[in-house]
Protein backbone atom coordinates (compact mmCIF):
# COMPACT_ATOMS: atom_id res chain seq x y z
CA MET A 1 -112.84 114.74 -100.37
CA PHE A 2 -114.26 113.91 -103.55
CA PRO A 3 -111.49 111.54 -104.51
CA PHE A 4 -111.65 109.85 -101.15
CA LEU A 5 -115.51 109.20 -101.98
CA ILE A 6 -114.51 108.05 -105.37
CA GLY A 7 -112.03 105.59 -103.89
CA LEU A 8 -114.60 104.36 -101.18
CA LEU A 9 -117.32 103.78 -104.07
CA ALA A 10 -114.80 101.49 -106.30
CA GLY A 11 -113.98 99.75 -103.27
CA LEU A 12 -117.51 98.93 -102.52
CA VAL A 13 -118.14 97.98 -106.44
CA ALA A 14 -115.16 95.79 -106.29
CA SER A 15 -116.34 94.06 -103.25
CA LEU A 16 -119.81 93.48 -104.57
CA PHE A 17 -118.36 91.99 -107.55
CA GLN A 18 -116.13 89.63 -105.78
CA PHE A 19 -119.13 88.68 -103.66
CA LEU A 20 -121.19 87.94 -106.51
CA LEU A 21 -118.37 85.78 -108.07
CA ASN A 22 -118.03 83.94 -104.82
CA ARG A 23 -121.66 83.39 -104.46
CA ARG A 24 -121.87 81.99 -108.19
CA GLU A 25 -118.99 79.72 -107.72
CA LEU A 26 -120.15 78.53 -104.47
CA LYS A 27 -123.69 77.65 -106.45
CA ARG A 28 -121.50 75.73 -108.93
CA ILE A 29 -119.43 73.58 -106.31
CA GLU A 30 -122.88 72.59 -104.45
CA GLU A 31 -124.43 71.62 -107.71
CA ARG A 32 -121.36 69.68 -108.84
CA ARG A 33 -121.65 68.22 -105.11
CA LEU A 34 -125.38 67.17 -105.50
CA HIS A 35 -124.62 65.67 -109.06
CA VAL A 36 -121.85 63.31 -107.43
CA GLU A 37 -124.07 62.60 -104.48
CA GLN A 38 -126.61 61.32 -106.95
CA GLU A 39 -124.29 59.32 -109.02
CA LYS A 40 -123.02 57.81 -106.09
CA GLU A 41 -126.70 56.84 -104.84
CA ILE A 42 -127.91 55.13 -107.94
CA ALA A 43 -124.74 53.60 -108.49
CA LEU A 44 -124.91 52.10 -105.01
CA ASN A 45 -128.51 51.16 -105.51
CA PHE A 46 -127.28 49.67 -108.79
CA MET A 47 -125.20 47.63 -106.70
CA HIS A 48 -127.46 46.19 -104.39
CA ASN A 49 -129.92 44.90 -107.05
CA MET A 50 -127.05 43.23 -108.36
CA ALA A 51 -126.26 41.54 -104.70
CA HIS A 52 -129.97 40.86 -104.30
CA ALA A 53 -129.87 38.72 -107.70
CA MET A 54 -126.51 37.27 -107.06
CA ALA A 55 -127.70 36.05 -103.44
CA ARG A 56 -130.47 34.08 -105.21
CA GLU A 57 -127.98 32.57 -107.52
CA PRO A 58 -130.29 33.25 -110.54
CA SER A 59 -130.01 32.06 -113.95
CA ARG A 60 -127.88 33.74 -116.46
CA LYS A 61 -131.07 35.20 -118.58
CA ASP A 62 -132.58 36.10 -114.97
CA LEU A 63 -129.40 38.32 -114.20
CA LEU A 64 -129.13 39.83 -117.48
CA GLY A 65 -132.87 40.77 -117.49
CA ARG A 66 -132.39 42.34 -113.97
CA ILE A 67 -129.07 44.37 -115.15
CA ASN A 68 -131.15 45.81 -118.00
CA HIS A 69 -134.33 46.55 -115.85
CA ALA A 70 -132.03 48.35 -113.27
CA VAL A 71 -130.23 50.19 -115.87
CA VAL A 72 -133.39 51.45 -117.59
CA ASN A 73 -134.73 52.51 -114.10
CA GLY A 74 -131.58 54.16 -113.00
CA THR A 75 -130.91 56.23 -116.23
CA GLY A 76 -134.36 57.01 -117.36
CA ALA A 77 -133.75 55.51 -120.90
CA LEU A 78 -136.69 54.00 -123.10
CA CYS A 79 -134.72 50.88 -123.82
CA SER A 80 -131.42 49.25 -123.27
CA CYS A 81 -129.55 45.99 -124.70
CA ILE A 82 -126.81 43.58 -123.64
CA PHE A 83 -124.34 42.53 -126.39
CA GLU A 84 -122.40 39.39 -125.38
CA VAL A 85 -119.05 38.29 -126.74
CA VAL A 86 -119.12 34.96 -128.83
CA ASP A 87 -116.13 33.30 -130.20
CA ASP A 88 -114.10 36.23 -129.24
CA LYS A 89 -114.54 37.70 -132.33
CA LYS A 90 -118.24 38.81 -132.73
CA LEU A 91 -121.14 40.13 -130.47
CA LYS A 92 -124.72 39.02 -130.18
CA GLY A 93 -127.64 40.60 -128.27
CA VAL A 94 -128.49 38.53 -125.35
CA ALA A 95 -131.35 40.76 -123.34
CA VAL A 96 -133.27 43.50 -124.40
CA GLU A 97 -135.56 45.89 -122.25
CA GLY A 98 -138.21 48.07 -124.52
CA LEU A 99 -137.84 48.80 -128.08
CA PHE A 100 -134.12 48.27 -128.37
CA PRO A 101 -133.69 49.29 -132.45
CA PRO A 102 -131.63 46.66 -134.48
CA GLN A 103 -128.00 47.64 -135.60
CA ARG A 104 -128.65 46.73 -138.87
CA PRO A 105 -131.36 48.04 -141.52
CA MET A 106 -134.59 46.22 -141.61
CA SER A 107 -137.06 46.21 -144.07
CA GLU A 108 -140.93 47.61 -143.18
CA LYS A 109 -142.35 44.26 -144.42
CA THR A 110 -140.48 42.18 -141.58
CA ILE A 111 -142.10 44.85 -139.01
CA ASP A 112 -145.40 44.76 -140.73
CA HIS A 113 -145.87 40.91 -140.74
CA ALA A 114 -144.76 40.60 -136.94
CA ARG A 115 -147.31 39.80 -134.37
CA THR A 116 -145.42 41.46 -131.52
CA ARG A 117 -143.10 44.13 -132.28
CA SER A 118 -141.17 43.66 -128.91
CA GLN A 119 -140.75 40.02 -129.84
CA LEU A 120 -139.60 40.86 -133.25
CA LEU A 121 -136.87 43.07 -132.43
CA GLU A 122 -135.50 40.91 -129.61
CA GLN A 123 -135.42 38.07 -132.07
CA ILE A 124 -133.43 39.96 -134.58
CA LEU A 125 -131.12 41.23 -131.94
CA ARG A 126 -130.56 37.62 -130.98
CA SER A 127 -129.83 36.32 -134.24
CA GLU A 128 -127.51 39.33 -135.33
CA GLU A 129 -123.84 38.78 -135.09
CA ILE A 130 -121.83 42.17 -135.18
CA ASP A 131 -118.37 42.01 -135.94
CA MET A 132 -115.51 43.90 -133.83
CA GLY A 133 -115.21 47.32 -135.11
CA GLU A 134 -118.70 47.35 -136.55
CA GLY A 135 -121.26 50.12 -135.92
CA ILE A 136 -121.35 52.07 -132.78
CA ILE A 137 -121.43 48.58 -130.85
CA GLY A 138 -118.43 47.13 -132.63
CA ALA A 139 -116.39 50.27 -131.95
CA VAL A 140 -116.76 50.09 -128.45
CA ALA A 141 -116.28 46.85 -128.37
CA GLN A 142 -112.78 47.09 -130.34
CA THR A 143 -111.65 50.31 -128.25
CA ARG A 144 -113.34 49.16 -125.04
CA GLU A 145 -114.08 52.79 -124.14
CA GLY A 146 -117.70 54.20 -123.62
CA VAL A 147 -119.35 56.54 -125.92
CA LEU A 148 -121.80 59.19 -125.44
CA ILE A 149 -123.75 60.35 -128.37
CA PRO A 150 -126.14 63.02 -127.41
CA SER A 151 -127.69 63.66 -130.77
CA ALA A 152 -127.85 60.45 -132.62
CA GLU A 153 -129.82 61.71 -135.51
CA LYS A 154 -126.79 63.24 -136.89
CA ASP A 155 -124.11 60.50 -136.18
CA PRO A 156 -123.26 58.17 -139.16
CA ARG A 157 -122.69 55.17 -136.88
CA ILE A 158 -126.05 54.90 -135.70
CA VAL A 159 -128.42 52.75 -137.77
CA GLN A 160 -131.81 54.68 -138.18
CA HIS A 161 -135.00 52.97 -139.05
CA LYS A 162 -137.85 54.61 -140.67
CA ASP A 163 -140.35 53.32 -137.79
CA PRO A 164 -140.88 56.30 -135.70
CA SER A 165 -140.39 54.24 -132.42
CA LEU A 166 -137.22 52.66 -133.47
CA ILE A 167 -135.52 56.21 -134.40
CA VAL A 168 -132.48 57.01 -131.92
CA ARG A 169 -132.41 60.37 -130.47
CA SER A 170 -129.42 59.70 -127.76
CA MET A 171 -127.47 56.83 -126.96
CA ILE A 172 -124.57 55.72 -124.37
CA VAL A 173 -122.62 52.63 -125.20
CA ALA A 174 -120.48 50.98 -122.60
CA PRO A 175 -117.88 47.99 -122.21
CA LEU A 176 -118.42 45.23 -119.90
CA LEU A 177 -115.27 44.63 -118.59
CA PHE A 178 -113.78 42.38 -115.59
CA ASP A 179 -110.28 42.23 -114.78
CA ASN A 180 -109.31 43.67 -118.51
CA GLU A 181 -111.53 40.78 -120.21
CA LEU A 182 -114.32 42.19 -122.51
CA LEU A 183 -117.47 40.25 -121.53
CA GLY A 184 -119.67 42.46 -124.07
CA VAL A 185 -121.40 45.89 -124.46
CA LEU A 186 -124.08 47.67 -122.78
CA ALA A 187 -126.17 50.18 -124.77
CA VAL A 188 -129.04 52.65 -123.63
CA ALA A 189 -130.99 54.83 -125.96
CA ASN A 190 -133.43 57.45 -125.87
CA PRO A 191 -134.29 59.21 -122.25
CA ASP A 192 -137.92 59.02 -121.35
CA ASP A 193 -138.51 62.65 -120.84
CA ASP A 194 -136.94 64.02 -124.59
CA ARG A 195 -133.93 65.25 -123.61
CA SER A 196 -130.47 64.41 -124.46
CA PHE A 197 -128.12 61.99 -122.50
CA ASP A 198 -125.22 64.22 -120.74
CA ARG A 199 -122.16 63.27 -119.10
CA MET A 200 -123.84 62.33 -115.66
CA ASP A 201 -125.88 59.74 -117.30
CA GLN A 202 -122.61 58.57 -118.92
CA ASN A 203 -120.81 58.57 -115.74
CA LEU A 204 -123.79 56.20 -114.49
CA VAL A 205 -123.86 53.94 -117.12
CA VAL A 206 -120.14 53.47 -117.13
CA SER A 207 -120.09 52.66 -113.42
CA MET A 208 -123.38 50.21 -113.66
CA ALA A 209 -121.59 48.47 -116.68
CA GLU A 210 -118.35 47.99 -114.43
CA GLN A 211 -120.94 46.55 -111.82
CA ALA A 212 -122.75 44.52 -114.43
CA ALA A 213 -119.71 43.09 -115.57
CA LEU A 214 -118.62 41.91 -112.15
CA ALA A 215 -122.28 40.30 -111.41
CA LEU A 216 -121.55 38.14 -114.99
CA ASN A 217 -118.36 37.27 -113.92
CA ASN A 218 -119.45 35.91 -110.14
CA LEU A 219 -122.25 34.13 -111.91
CA ASP A 220 -119.62 32.29 -114.19
CA ASN A 221 -117.36 31.75 -111.22
CA LEU A 222 -119.71 30.72 -108.26
CA ASN A 223 -116.99 29.68 -105.88
CA ASP A 224 -115.98 33.32 -106.08
CA ARG A 225 -117.53 34.81 -102.84
CA ILE A 226 -115.06 37.46 -101.94
CA GLU A 227 -116.55 40.02 -104.95
CA LYS A 228 -120.31 39.19 -103.26
CA GLN A 229 -119.23 39.86 -100.21
CA LYS A 230 -117.91 43.74 -101.65
CA LEU A 231 -121.30 44.04 -102.97
CA ASP A 232 -122.90 43.25 -99.61
CA LEU A 233 -120.64 46.13 -98.09
CA ASP A 234 -121.81 48.46 -100.78
CA LEU A 235 -125.18 47.74 -100.12
CA THR A 236 -124.75 48.62 -96.41
CA LEU A 237 -123.40 51.94 -97.65
CA ALA A 238 -126.36 52.80 -99.85
CA HIS A 239 -128.59 51.88 -96.99
CA ASP A 240 -126.52 54.03 -94.33
CA VAL A 241 -126.40 57.28 -97.09
CA GLN A 242 -130.25 57.25 -97.09
CA ARG A 243 -130.47 56.98 -93.33
CA LEU A 244 -128.68 59.84 -92.92
CA LEU A 245 -131.17 62.23 -94.53
CA LEU A 246 -133.61 61.37 -91.57
CA PRO A 247 -133.17 63.39 -88.45
CA THR A 248 -132.39 61.39 -85.43
CA GLN A 249 -132.09 64.40 -82.91
CA PHE A 250 -135.30 66.67 -82.76
CA PRO A 251 -135.54 70.62 -81.99
CA LYS A 252 -135.85 71.13 -78.21
CA THR A 253 -138.91 73.24 -77.38
CA GLU A 254 -140.64 74.13 -74.20
CA SER A 255 -144.20 72.33 -75.19
CA LEU A 256 -143.63 69.73 -77.98
CA GLU A 257 -142.65 66.12 -77.63
CA ILE A 258 -141.73 64.59 -80.69
CA HIS A 259 -140.54 60.97 -81.83
CA ALA A 260 -140.42 59.12 -85.06
CA LEU A 261 -140.06 55.73 -85.96
CA TYR A 262 -139.05 54.49 -89.53
CA THR A 263 -138.81 51.01 -90.74
CA PRO A 264 -137.85 50.45 -94.50
CA ALA A 265 -139.56 46.96 -96.38
CA GLN A 266 -136.46 47.11 -98.46
CA LYS A 267 -132.65 48.49 -98.15
CA VAL A 268 -133.71 51.55 -99.96
CA SER A 269 -137.14 53.47 -99.35
CA GLY A 270 -139.39 56.10 -100.63
CA ASP A 271 -140.65 57.19 -97.11
CA PHE A 272 -139.22 60.06 -95.37
CA TYR A 273 -139.81 62.48 -92.42
CA ASP A 274 -138.51 65.73 -91.29
CA ILE A 275 -138.56 68.10 -88.07
CA ILE A 276 -137.79 71.81 -89.03
CA PRO A 277 -137.11 74.59 -86.44
CA LEU A 278 -138.78 77.54 -87.37
CA GLU A 279 -139.02 81.21 -86.34
CA GLU A 280 -141.65 82.92 -84.07
CA GLY A 281 -141.73 79.72 -81.66
CA CYS A 282 -142.82 77.50 -84.73
CA THR A 283 -141.71 73.93 -85.86
CA GLY A 284 -142.29 72.14 -89.08
CA VAL A 285 -143.36 68.71 -89.06
CA ALA A 286 -143.43 66.80 -92.40
CA ILE A 287 -143.80 62.94 -93.48
CA ALA A 288 -144.10 61.98 -97.24
CA ASP A 289 -144.35 59.03 -99.29
CA VAL A 290 -142.51 58.67 -103.21
CA SER A 291 -144.27 56.27 -105.27
CA GLY A 292 -142.68 53.07 -106.31
CA LYS A 293 -139.57 51.62 -104.79
CA GLY A 294 -135.71 51.17 -105.31
CA VAL A 295 -133.11 53.86 -107.12
CA PRO A 296 -135.75 56.21 -108.63
CA ALA A 297 -138.03 56.33 -105.30
CA SER A 298 -134.90 56.93 -102.97
CA LEU A 299 -133.37 59.68 -105.56
CA LEU A 300 -136.79 61.57 -105.59
CA MET A 301 -136.68 61.31 -101.94
CA ALA A 302 -133.45 63.02 -101.73
CA ILE A 303 -134.32 65.91 -103.90
CA CYS A 304 -137.91 66.34 -102.04
CA HIS A 305 -136.12 66.23 -98.88
CA THR A 306 -133.62 69.11 -100.03
CA SER A 307 -136.66 71.39 -101.48
CA LEU A 308 -138.72 70.91 -98.66
CA ARG A 309 -135.94 72.19 -96.23
CA HIS A 310 -135.40 75.16 -98.64
CA TYR A 311 -138.82 76.40 -98.89
CA ALA A 312 -140.17 75.99 -95.50
CA GLN A 313 -137.54 78.62 -94.44
CA ALA A 314 -138.88 80.92 -97.19
CA HIS A 315 -142.86 80.61 -96.76
CA GLU A 316 -144.87 80.66 -93.50
CA SER A 317 -147.67 78.87 -95.23
CA PRO A 318 -147.35 75.28 -95.48
CA SER A 319 -149.42 75.43 -98.73
CA ALA A 320 -147.23 78.09 -100.26
CA VAL A 321 -144.32 75.54 -99.36
CA LEU A 322 -145.98 72.78 -101.41
CA ARG A 323 -146.64 74.82 -104.26
CA ALA A 324 -143.39 76.17 -104.52
CA MET A 325 -141.97 72.47 -104.20
CA ASN A 326 -144.35 71.15 -106.82
CA ALA A 327 -143.58 73.99 -109.17
CA GLU A 328 -139.58 73.22 -109.07
CA MET A 329 -140.03 69.46 -108.71
CA SER A 330 -142.63 68.84 -111.50
CA ALA A 331 -140.05 69.56 -114.08
CA GLU A 332 -137.56 66.88 -112.60
CA MET A 333 -140.09 64.01 -112.17
CA ARG A 334 -140.89 61.06 -114.16
CA LYS A 335 -144.43 60.74 -115.54
CA ASP A 336 -144.70 57.57 -113.80
CA MET A 337 -143.90 59.40 -110.36
CA PHE A 338 -145.57 61.29 -107.92
CA ILE A 339 -144.89 62.18 -103.97
CA THR A 340 -147.73 62.25 -101.32
CA LEU A 341 -146.80 64.74 -98.52
CA ILE A 342 -148.09 66.41 -95.61
CA TYR A 343 -146.42 69.57 -94.11
CA ALA A 344 -147.69 71.31 -90.72
CA VAL A 345 -146.53 73.99 -88.85
CA ILE A 346 -147.22 73.83 -84.93
CA ASN A 347 -147.29 77.28 -83.42
CA GLU A 348 -146.63 76.84 -79.67
CA LYS A 349 -147.59 80.47 -78.57
CA LYS A 350 -151.18 80.05 -80.30
CA SER A 351 -151.39 76.41 -79.57
CA THR A 352 -152.50 75.78 -83.29
CA ILE A 353 -151.14 73.28 -86.09
CA THR A 354 -151.53 74.56 -89.76
CA LEU A 355 -151.03 72.03 -92.49
CA ALA A 356 -151.36 71.42 -95.97
CA ARG A 357 -151.95 67.85 -97.46
CA ALA A 358 -150.75 66.89 -100.82
CA GLY A 359 -152.55 63.34 -101.28
CA HIS A 360 -151.13 61.92 -98.33
CA GLU A 361 -153.06 59.80 -95.71
CA LEU A 362 -155.29 61.71 -93.24
CA PRO A 363 -153.32 62.97 -90.31
CA LEU A 364 -155.06 62.37 -87.07
CA VAL A 365 -154.99 64.39 -83.92
CA LEU A 366 -156.12 63.29 -80.28
CA GLN A 367 -158.03 65.94 -78.55
CA LYS A 368 -160.16 66.62 -75.89
CA GLY A 369 -163.88 66.91 -76.78
CA PRO A 370 -166.70 69.21 -75.32
CA SER A 371 -167.58 66.73 -72.55
CA GLY A 372 -163.88 66.09 -71.55
CA ASP A 373 -163.25 63.10 -73.38
CA TYR A 374 -160.76 62.64 -75.72
CA LEU A 375 -161.64 61.79 -79.54
CA THR A 376 -159.58 61.05 -82.28
CA THR A 377 -160.28 63.28 -85.56
CA ALA A 378 -159.04 62.86 -89.07
CA ILE A 379 -157.78 66.18 -90.32
CA ASP A 380 -159.34 66.53 -93.77
CA SER A 381 -157.95 69.20 -96.32
CA GLU A 382 -157.61 69.31 -99.93
CA GLY A 383 -154.66 68.64 -101.96
CA MET A 384 -153.47 66.77 -104.59
CA ALA A 385 -149.98 64.48 -104.79
CA LEU A 386 -146.82 66.63 -105.94
CA GLY A 387 -145.95 65.69 -109.83
CA MET A 388 -149.64 64.22 -110.44
CA VAL A 389 -151.34 67.08 -111.99
CA PRO A 390 -150.27 70.66 -113.79
CA CYS A 391 -149.40 73.62 -111.43
CA GLU A 392 -152.24 75.54 -111.97
CA ILE A 393 -154.75 72.52 -110.79
CA PHE A 394 -152.21 71.76 -107.87
CA ASP A 395 -152.19 75.24 -106.68
CA GLU A 396 -156.09 75.83 -107.14
CA VAL A 397 -156.73 72.89 -104.86
CA ILE A 398 -153.97 72.74 -101.99
CA GLU A 399 -154.95 74.37 -98.96
CA ASP A 400 -154.07 75.42 -95.42
CA LYS A 401 -155.94 73.98 -92.51
CA THR A 402 -155.61 75.48 -89.20
CA ILE A 403 -156.89 73.46 -85.93
CA PRO A 404 -156.33 73.89 -82.25
CA PHE A 405 -153.73 72.15 -80.55
CA GLY A 406 -154.22 72.18 -76.80
CA GLN A 407 -152.17 70.72 -73.77
CA GLY A 408 -152.02 67.04 -73.63
CA GLU A 409 -153.38 66.62 -77.13
CA THR A 410 -151.15 64.69 -79.96
CA LEU A 411 -150.76 64.65 -83.39
CA LEU A 412 -149.87 61.46 -85.57
CA LEU A 413 -148.52 61.55 -89.17
CA TYR A 414 -147.85 58.01 -91.00
CA THR A 415 -147.63 56.62 -94.47
CA ASP A 416 -149.85 54.11 -96.19
CA GLY A 417 -147.62 51.24 -95.20
CA VAL A 418 -149.30 51.31 -92.04
CA THR A 419 -152.90 51.07 -92.95
CA GLU A 420 -152.17 48.81 -95.70
CA THR A 421 -150.09 46.08 -93.80
CA THR A 422 -151.99 42.95 -94.60
CA ASN A 423 -152.16 39.65 -92.49
CA PHE A 424 -152.34 35.94 -93.91
CA ASP A 425 -155.99 36.49 -95.07
CA ASP A 426 -155.06 39.57 -97.11
CA GLU A 427 -156.96 41.76 -94.72
CA GLU A 428 -155.78 45.22 -94.44
CA TYR A 429 -154.75 46.74 -91.09
CA SER A 430 -157.01 50.00 -92.03
CA ALA A 431 -157.57 53.39 -90.73
CA ARG A 432 -160.40 52.36 -88.23
CA ARG A 433 -157.68 49.95 -86.35
CA LEU A 434 -155.27 52.91 -86.12
CA GLN A 435 -157.85 55.37 -84.92
CA ASN A 436 -159.34 53.09 -82.15
CA LEU A 437 -155.41 52.23 -80.99
CA PHE A 438 -154.27 55.70 -81.33
CA LYS A 439 -157.35 56.70 -79.07
CA SER A 440 -156.41 54.05 -76.31
CA LEU A 441 -152.83 55.69 -76.01
CA ARG A 442 -153.95 59.12 -75.14
CA GLU A 443 -151.83 59.05 -71.96
CA GLU A 444 -148.64 57.83 -73.54
CA SER A 445 -145.82 59.52 -74.77
CA PRO A 446 -145.15 59.84 -78.59
CA GLU A 447 -142.31 57.47 -78.32
CA ARG A 448 -144.59 55.03 -76.74
CA ILE A 449 -147.42 55.59 -79.25
CA ASN A 450 -145.02 54.74 -82.17
CA GLN A 451 -144.07 51.71 -80.32
CA GLU A 452 -147.40 50.46 -79.55
CA ILE A 453 -148.47 50.95 -83.02
CA PHE A 454 -145.67 49.15 -84.55
CA GLU A 455 -145.90 46.31 -82.24
CA SER A 456 -149.82 46.09 -83.06
CA LEU A 457 -148.88 45.92 -86.75
CA GLU A 458 -146.22 43.07 -86.09
CA GLN A 459 -149.00 41.13 -84.48
CA PHE A 460 -151.49 41.71 -87.13
CA LYS A 461 -149.09 40.68 -89.94
CA GLY A 462 -147.54 37.52 -88.41
CA ASP A 463 -144.98 35.93 -90.42
CA ASN A 464 -146.13 38.04 -93.72
CA HIS A 465 -143.35 39.68 -95.42
CA LEU A 466 -143.58 43.68 -94.99
CA GLN A 467 -144.84 44.94 -98.24
CA ASP A 468 -144.29 48.61 -97.90
CA ASP A 469 -142.28 51.09 -95.60
CA ILE A 470 -143.61 52.20 -92.28
CA THR A 471 -143.03 55.53 -91.18
CA LEU A 472 -144.68 57.47 -87.95
CA VAL A 473 -144.51 60.64 -86.65
CA SER A 474 -146.07 61.53 -83.19
CA VAL A 475 -145.95 65.14 -81.74
CA ARG A 476 -147.47 65.98 -78.00
CA HIS A 477 -148.32 69.15 -76.76
CA LYS A 478 -147.43 68.69 -73.16
CA ALA A 479 -149.49 69.57 -70.38
CA THR A 480 -147.66 72.20 -68.12
CA VAL A 481 -147.35 71.41 -64.54
CA SER A 482 -148.89 73.74 -61.98
CA ASN A 483 -146.96 75.32 -59.28
CA ASN A 484 -149.58 73.34 -56.61
CA GLU A 485 -148.73 70.31 -58.49
CA GLN A 486 -145.02 70.72 -58.39
CA THR A 487 -145.18 71.33 -54.51
């Protein structure tokens, strides 16, 4: 009997050990998958920027500036520089973003006598001619292979200056190659969050360098439209990838009718919404708006979406979900970015809505008043945007707000693109107009409510270009039909 128990215990231990190993391996696989997806999204959106630029047939200077700007935004670097090949033997800086340091030692007097430091550095970089093989820029041009330098302070190929703002902490350098022809070199330096560049950053820069070289080649060969069509296809793919994150099928419940309307102002958006099935007859409803546009906003949107889905299953309280999300995401967010978000839990059994608001637009609810008339009310609750303040301040301010949600009543969530839509007189649509229209739609379905609001916005703005993304989520508590009415 005793050997049997020993064998059974050993088997259990071995099974537990194998389970833990499998779990850790699955986690590593998932992390690698997420990294690949992030790289793909940033690279595809960079293609979108290049396609947008080429569609306008910009000047060479404008295109180089767009490339630099997109690279800095996509990688989080503080500075970037493009060096072009001249006379097939040398390289010269032709476009600079941020305080990119000169590639040769520079006297302190030169800096002290300069009116504007950024203009001086750009002037020096444009006047310098770097030989093939000289320094890190010349070496990458000669070998035609990208280089990642995590710790530049210890690398003898990096020229360091006494000025603290010009010290290079970390650098990535990649060749600009098209059809095996060297067009130049792309260099980025110093991530903005004091970390070091890693392999994921290098993969992004190499991919961006490839697409940048393609754009530059197309600019020099305006008759070559085939490559531009490929960029348009990649742009559509980037748009489709982002749309996949937004649900089109909503949970089937006995008493809730749900509809969402989403219209991005550009190919990539910072808005998102989600409908999450929960236990105990509850449904989670969320809407969010990431500050900024383009690659950083869309990438942060994807991270936020994943975090929300995870913590919505872990916490019953909406404010607890937002506290957990803020604690996790604050470290990953750039200092100039934040997320406004509302997360609401609708309890069908109790006929209540409990929500927490992280700095987002006030949600509206259409309810029966004491006299039986329907009233439109803005649900006010305390809370600040995710990533805007330290966790201790965020946690203290955020709160749950619970209101009744009876039969025939409707909840409306929306982003600021709705209320801030402007007409030709630069007048905003406003929350007042939205509330009045919402009240007039008290008998309509969520789908019809969203459509009516969108049509009203279209009429209001006229031929004005849509400046911001528009997202609407309507949830109606369906009225129960009595047996007499059915008969």
